[in-house]
Amino acid sequence: MPADPVNGYDILDKVAGLPISTWRYEWEPGHVRHLGPMAQDWSATFGLGDTDTLIYGVDASGVALVSIQALHRRIADLERRLDALTGTPPAGSPSSV
């Protein structure tokens, strides 16, 4: 099973541009709402899975996890830059305790 690396920052940018809305399935009562992207938008944005009518949980988890990793790296980089500018370690970092 081949695995290809992904650029978390590219995925994060795609997530930021993905339309998110509330919706319900046609068969559900009118008061029921779900929150998330439309499967067609998901498919067009990421090209994952084999259909544009549903979002596989494994793909949603993967996109979420790589986005969290990219955010973590971005925050860590910003904290290092702030530390270099101010000489003060970020709150909660091991060197500030």
N, C-alpha and C. Protein backbone atom coordinates (compact mmCIF):
# COMPACT_ATOMS: atom_id res chain seq x y z
N MET A 1 0.85 -1.17 0.00
CA MET A 1 0.00 0.00 0.00
C MET A 1 0.90 1.24 0.00
N PRO A 2 1.02 1.93 -1.12
CA PRO A 2 1.90 3.09 -1.16
C PRO A 2 1.36 4.27 -0.36
N ALA A 3 2.27 4.97 0.27
CA ALA A 3 1.90 6.16 1.04
C ALA A 3 2.69 7.34 0.49
N ASP A 4 2.00 8.43 0.23
CA ASP A 4 2.64 9.63 -0.27
C ASP A 4 2.62 10.71 0.79
N PRO A 5 3.74 11.43 0.96
CA PRO A 5 3.75 12.52 1.94
C PRO A 5 2.84 13.67 1.49
N VAL A 6 2.37 14.44 2.44
CA VAL A 6 1.55 15.61 2.14
C VAL A 6 2.17 16.83 2.81
N ASN A 7 1.89 17.98 2.26
CA ASN A 7 2.33 19.23 2.85
C ASN A 7 1.19 19.74 3.74
N GLY A 8 1.39 19.68 5.04
CA GLY A 8 0.35 20.09 5.99
C GLY A 8 -0.10 21.52 5.80
N TYR A 9 0.84 22.40 5.42
CA TYR A 9 0.47 23.80 5.21
C TYR A 9 -0.47 23.95 4.02
N ASP A 10 -0.23 23.16 2.97
CA ASP A 10 -1.13 23.20 1.81
C ASP A 10 -2.53 22.71 2.20
N ILE A 11 -2.58 21.62 2.98
CA ILE A 11 -3.87 21.10 3.42
C ILE A 11 -4.57 22.12 4.31
N LEU A 12 -3.82 22.74 5.22
CA LEU A 12 -4.39 23.74 6.12
C LEU A 12 -5.00 24.90 5.32
N ASP A 13 -4.30 25.35 4.29
CA ASP A 13 -4.84 26.42 3.45
C ASP A 13 -6.13 25.99 2.76
N LYS A 14 -6.17 24.74 2.32
CA LYS A 14 -7.39 24.23 1.68
C LYS A 14 -8.54 24.17 2.68
N VAL A 15 -8.23 23.73 3.91
CA VAL A 15 -9.27 23.68 4.95
C VAL A 15 -9.82 25.08 5.21
N ALA A 16 -8.93 26.07 5.26
CA ALA A 16 -9.36 27.44 5.53
C ALA A 16 -10.30 27.96 4.45
N GLY A 17 -10.15 27.49 3.23
CA GLY A 17 -11.00 27.95 2.13
C GLY A 17 -12.22 27.08 1.88
N LEU A 18 -12.37 25.98 2.63
CA LEU A 18 -13.46 25.05 2.41
C LEU A 18 -14.77 25.62 2.97
N PRO A 19 -15.80 25.71 2.14
CA PRO A 19 -17.09 26.19 2.65
C PRO A 19 -17.65 25.24 3.71
N ILE A 20 -18.05 25.78 4.83
CA ILE A 20 -18.66 25.00 5.91
C ILE A 20 -20.06 25.56 6.15
N SER A 21 -21.02 24.68 6.29
CA SER A 21 -22.39 25.14 6.51
C SER A 21 -23.14 24.12 7.36
N THR A 22 -24.33 24.50 7.80
CA THR A 22 -25.21 23.54 8.46
C THR A 22 -26.14 22.98 7.40
N TRP A 23 -26.53 21.75 7.61
CA TRP A 23 -27.38 21.06 6.63
C TRP A 23 -28.07 19.87 7.30
N ARG A 24 -28.98 19.25 6.57
CA ARG A 24 -29.62 18.02 7.03
C ARG A 24 -29.87 17.14 5.83
N TYR A 25 -29.98 15.86 6.10
CA TYR A 25 -30.36 14.92 5.05
C TYR A 25 -31.84 15.11 4.75
N GLU A 26 -32.23 14.86 3.51
CA GLU A 26 -33.61 15.08 3.10
C GLU A 26 -34.61 14.29 3.95
N TRP A 27 -34.23 13.13 4.44
CA TRP A 27 -35.15 12.28 5.20
C TRP A 27 -35.22 12.63 6.68
N GLU A 28 -34.38 13.54 7.13
CA GLU A 28 -34.38 13.90 8.55
C GLU A 28 -35.42 14.99 8.82
N PRO A 29 -35.93 15.03 10.06
CA PRO A 29 -36.86 16.10 10.43
C PRO A 29 -36.18 17.47 10.28
N GLY A 30 -36.97 18.48 10.06
CA GLY A 30 -36.47 19.83 9.81
C GLY A 30 -35.63 20.41 10.93
N HIS A 31 -35.80 19.96 12.17
CA HIS A 31 -35.05 20.52 13.29
C HIS A 31 -33.64 19.94 13.42
N VAL A 32 -33.35 18.86 12.70
CA VAL A 32 -32.04 18.22 12.77
C VAL A 32 -31.05 18.97 11.89
N ARG A 33 -29.88 19.28 12.44
CA ARG A 33 -28.84 19.98 11.67
C ARG A 33 -27.51 19.28 11.88
N HIS A 34 -26.69 19.29 10.85
CA HIS A 34 -25.31 18.82 10.90
C HIS A 34 -24.43 19.99 10.50
N LEU A 35 -23.16 19.95 10.86
CA LEU A 35 -22.22 21.02 10.54
C LEU A 35 -21.04 20.42 9.81
N GLY A 36 -20.72 20.96 8.66
CA GLY A 36 -19.57 20.48 7.92
C GLY A 36 -19.63 20.89 6.47
N PRO A 37 -18.62 20.46 5.73
CA PRO A 37 -18.59 20.77 4.29
C PRO A 37 -19.54 19.85 3.52
N MET A 38 -19.92 20.27 2.35
CA MET A 38 -20.66 19.40 1.44
C MET A 38 -19.66 18.42 0.83
N ALA A 39 -20.08 17.20 0.62
CA ALA A 39 -19.18 16.17 0.08
C ALA A 39 -18.62 16.58 -1.28
N GLN A 40 -19.41 17.29 -2.08
CA GLN A 40 -18.94 17.72 -3.40
C GLN A 40 -17.80 18.73 -3.26
N ASP A 41 -17.92 19.66 -2.31
CA ASP A 41 -16.85 20.63 -2.06
C ASP A 41 -15.61 19.93 -1.53
N TRP A 42 -15.81 18.96 -0.64
CA TRP A 42 -14.70 18.18 -0.08
C TRP A 42 -13.93 17.47 -1.19
N SER A 43 -14.67 16.80 -2.05
CA SER A 43 -14.06 16.05 -3.15
C SER A 43 -13.29 16.98 -4.09
N ALA A 44 -13.90 18.11 -4.42
CA ALA A 44 -13.23 19.07 -5.31
C ALA A 44 -11.99 19.67 -4.67
N THR A 45 -12.01 19.85 -3.36
CA THR A 45 -10.89 20.46 -2.65
C THR A 45 -9.74 19.50 -2.43
N PHE A 46 -10.04 18.28 -1.99
CA PHE A 46 -8.98 17.34 -1.59
C PHE A 46 -8.77 16.17 -2.55
N GLY A 47 -9.79 15.83 -3.33
CA GLY A 47 -9.65 14.70 -4.25
C GLY A 47 -9.45 13.36 -3.55
N LEU A 48 -10.00 13.22 -2.37
CA LEU A 48 -9.85 11.99 -1.59
C LEU A 48 -11.09 11.12 -1.73
N GLY A 49 -10.90 9.81 -1.56
CA GLY A 49 -12.02 8.90 -1.64
C GLY A 49 -12.38 8.58 -3.08
N ASP A 50 -13.47 7.86 -3.24
CA ASP A 50 -13.86 7.41 -4.58
C ASP A 50 -15.24 7.93 -5.01
N THR A 51 -15.76 8.91 -4.27
CA THR A 51 -17.07 9.45 -4.60
C THR A 51 -17.15 10.90 -4.13
N ASP A 52 -18.04 11.66 -4.74
CA ASP A 52 -18.26 13.03 -4.28
C ASP A 52 -19.60 13.16 -3.56
N THR A 53 -20.10 12.01 -3.08
CA THR A 53 -21.39 12.04 -2.37
C THR A 53 -21.26 11.74 -0.88
N LEU A 54 -20.04 11.43 -0.41
CA LEU A 54 -19.84 11.25 1.02
C LEU A 54 -18.38 11.54 1.37
N ILE A 55 -18.15 11.80 2.64
CA ILE A 55 -16.81 12.06 3.16
C ILE A 55 -16.45 10.90 4.06
N TYR A 56 -15.40 10.19 3.71
CA TYR A 56 -14.96 9.05 4.54
C TYR A 56 -14.34 9.57 5.83
N GLY A 57 -14.66 8.91 6.93
CA GLY A 57 -14.13 9.30 8.24
C GLY A 57 -12.62 9.28 8.28
N VAL A 58 -12.00 8.30 7.64
CA VAL A 58 -10.53 8.23 7.65
C VAL A 58 -9.92 9.45 6.96
N ASP A 59 -10.57 9.95 5.90
CA ASP A 59 -10.07 11.14 5.21
C ASP A 59 -10.28 12.39 6.05
N ALA A 60 -11.45 12.50 6.68
CA ALA A 60 -11.71 13.65 7.55
C ALA A 60 -10.72 13.68 8.70
N SER A 61 -10.44 12.52 9.29
CA SER A 61 -9.47 12.44 10.38
C SER A 61 -8.07 12.83 9.90
N GLY A 62 -7.68 12.33 8.76
CA GLY A 62 -6.36 12.65 8.22
C GLY A 62 -6.19 14.12 7.94
N VAL A 63 -7.20 14.73 7.32
CA VAL A 63 -7.14 16.17 7.04
C VAL A 63 -7.07 16.95 8.35
N ALA A 64 -7.88 16.56 9.33
CA ALA A 64 -7.86 17.26 10.62
C ALA A 64 -6.51 17.12 11.30
N LEU A 65 -5.96 15.91 11.33
CA LEU A 65 -4.68 15.70 12.02
C LEU A 65 -3.52 16.43 11.36
N VAL A 66 -3.43 16.38 10.04
CA VAL A 66 -2.32 17.07 9.38
C VAL A 66 -2.49 18.59 9.51
N SER A 67 -3.72 19.07 9.58
CA SER A 67 -3.95 20.50 9.80
C SER A 67 -3.53 20.90 11.21
N ILE A 68 -3.84 20.05 12.19
CA ILE A 68 -3.41 20.33 13.57
C ILE A 68 -1.89 20.35 13.65
N GLN A 69 -1.24 19.41 12.98
CA GLN A 69 0.23 19.40 12.97
C GLN A 69 0.79 20.67 12.35
N ALA A 70 0.20 21.12 11.25
CA ALA A 70 0.67 22.34 10.59
C ALA A 70 0.46 23.55 11.50
N LEU A 71 -0.69 23.62 12.16
CA LEU A 71 -0.94 24.72 13.10
C LEU A 71 0.06 24.69 14.25
N HIS A 72 0.36 23.51 14.76
CA HIS A 72 1.33 23.38 15.85
C HIS A 72 2.70 23.89 15.40
N ARG A 73 3.14 23.49 14.22
CA ARG A 73 4.44 23.96 13.72
C ARG A 73 4.42 25.48 13.51
N ARG A 74 3.32 26.00 12.99
CA ARG A 74 3.22 27.44 12.75
C ARG A 74 3.28 28.21 14.07
N ILE A 75 2.56 27.74 15.08
CA ILE A 75 2.58 28.41 16.39
C ILE A 75 3.96 28.32 17.02
N ALA A 76 4.59 27.15 16.96
CA ALA A 76 5.93 26.99 17.53
C ALA A 76 6.91 27.94 16.85
N ASP A 77 6.80 28.08 15.54
CA ASP A 77 7.69 29.00 14.81
C ASP A 77 7.44 30.44 15.24
N LEU A 78 6.19 30.82 15.38
CA LEU A 78 5.86 32.18 15.81
C LEU A 78 6.35 32.44 17.23
N GLU A 79 6.24 31.43 18.10
CA GLU A 79 6.73 31.58 19.47
C GLU A 79 8.25 31.77 19.49
N ARG A 80 8.96 31.01 18.64
CA ARG A 80 10.42 31.19 18.56
C ARG A 80 10.78 32.59 18.06
N ARG A 81 10.04 33.06 17.08
CA ARG A 81 10.30 34.41 16.57
C ARG A 81 10.02 35.46 17.64
N LEU A 82 8.94 35.29 18.37
CA LEU A 82 8.60 36.23 19.44
C LEU A 82 9.66 36.21 20.52
N ASP A 83 10.12 35.02 20.88
CA ASP A 83 11.18 34.89 21.88
C ASP A 83 12.44 35.61 21.41
N ALA A 84 12.78 35.46 20.14
CA ALA A 84 13.98 36.11 19.60
C ALA A 84 13.84 37.63 19.64
N LEU A 85 12.64 38.13 19.41
CA LEU A 85 12.42 39.58 19.41
C LEU A 85 12.37 40.16 20.82
N THR A 86 11.77 39.42 21.74
CA THR A 86 11.55 39.97 23.08
C THR A 86 12.53 39.43 24.12
N GLY A 87 13.15 38.29 23.84
CA GLY A 87 14.02 37.67 24.81
C GLY A 87 13.26 37.00 25.93
N THR A 88 11.95 36.88 25.80
CA THR A 88 11.10 36.28 26.81
C THR A 88 10.51 34.99 26.25
N PRO A 89 10.73 33.86 26.90
CA PRO A 89 10.12 32.63 26.41
C PRO A 89 8.60 32.72 26.49
N PRO A 90 7.91 32.09 25.56
CA PRO A 90 6.45 32.09 25.58
C PRO A 90 5.91 31.47 26.86
N ALA A 91 4.78 31.97 27.33
CA ALA A 91 4.14 31.42 28.53
C ALA A 91 3.86 29.95 28.33
N GLY A 92 4.16 29.16 29.35
CA GLY A 92 3.89 27.72 29.29
C GLY A 92 5.02 26.92 28.68
N SER A 93 6.04 27.57 28.12
CA SER A 93 7.17 26.83 27.58
C SER A 93 8.06 26.35 28.71
N PRO A 94 8.80 25.29 28.51
CA PRO A 94 9.64 24.77 29.61
C PRO A 94 10.63 25.78 30.14
N SER A 95 11.13 26.68 29.31
CA SER A 95 12.13 27.64 29.80
C SER A 95 11.50 28.82 30.53
N SER A 96 10.15 28.93 30.51
CA SER A 96 9.50 30.04 31.22
C SER A 96 9.03 29.62 32.60
N VAL A 97 9.15 28.33 32.93
CA VAL A 97 8.65 27.82 34.22
C VAL A 97 9.73 27.87 35.25
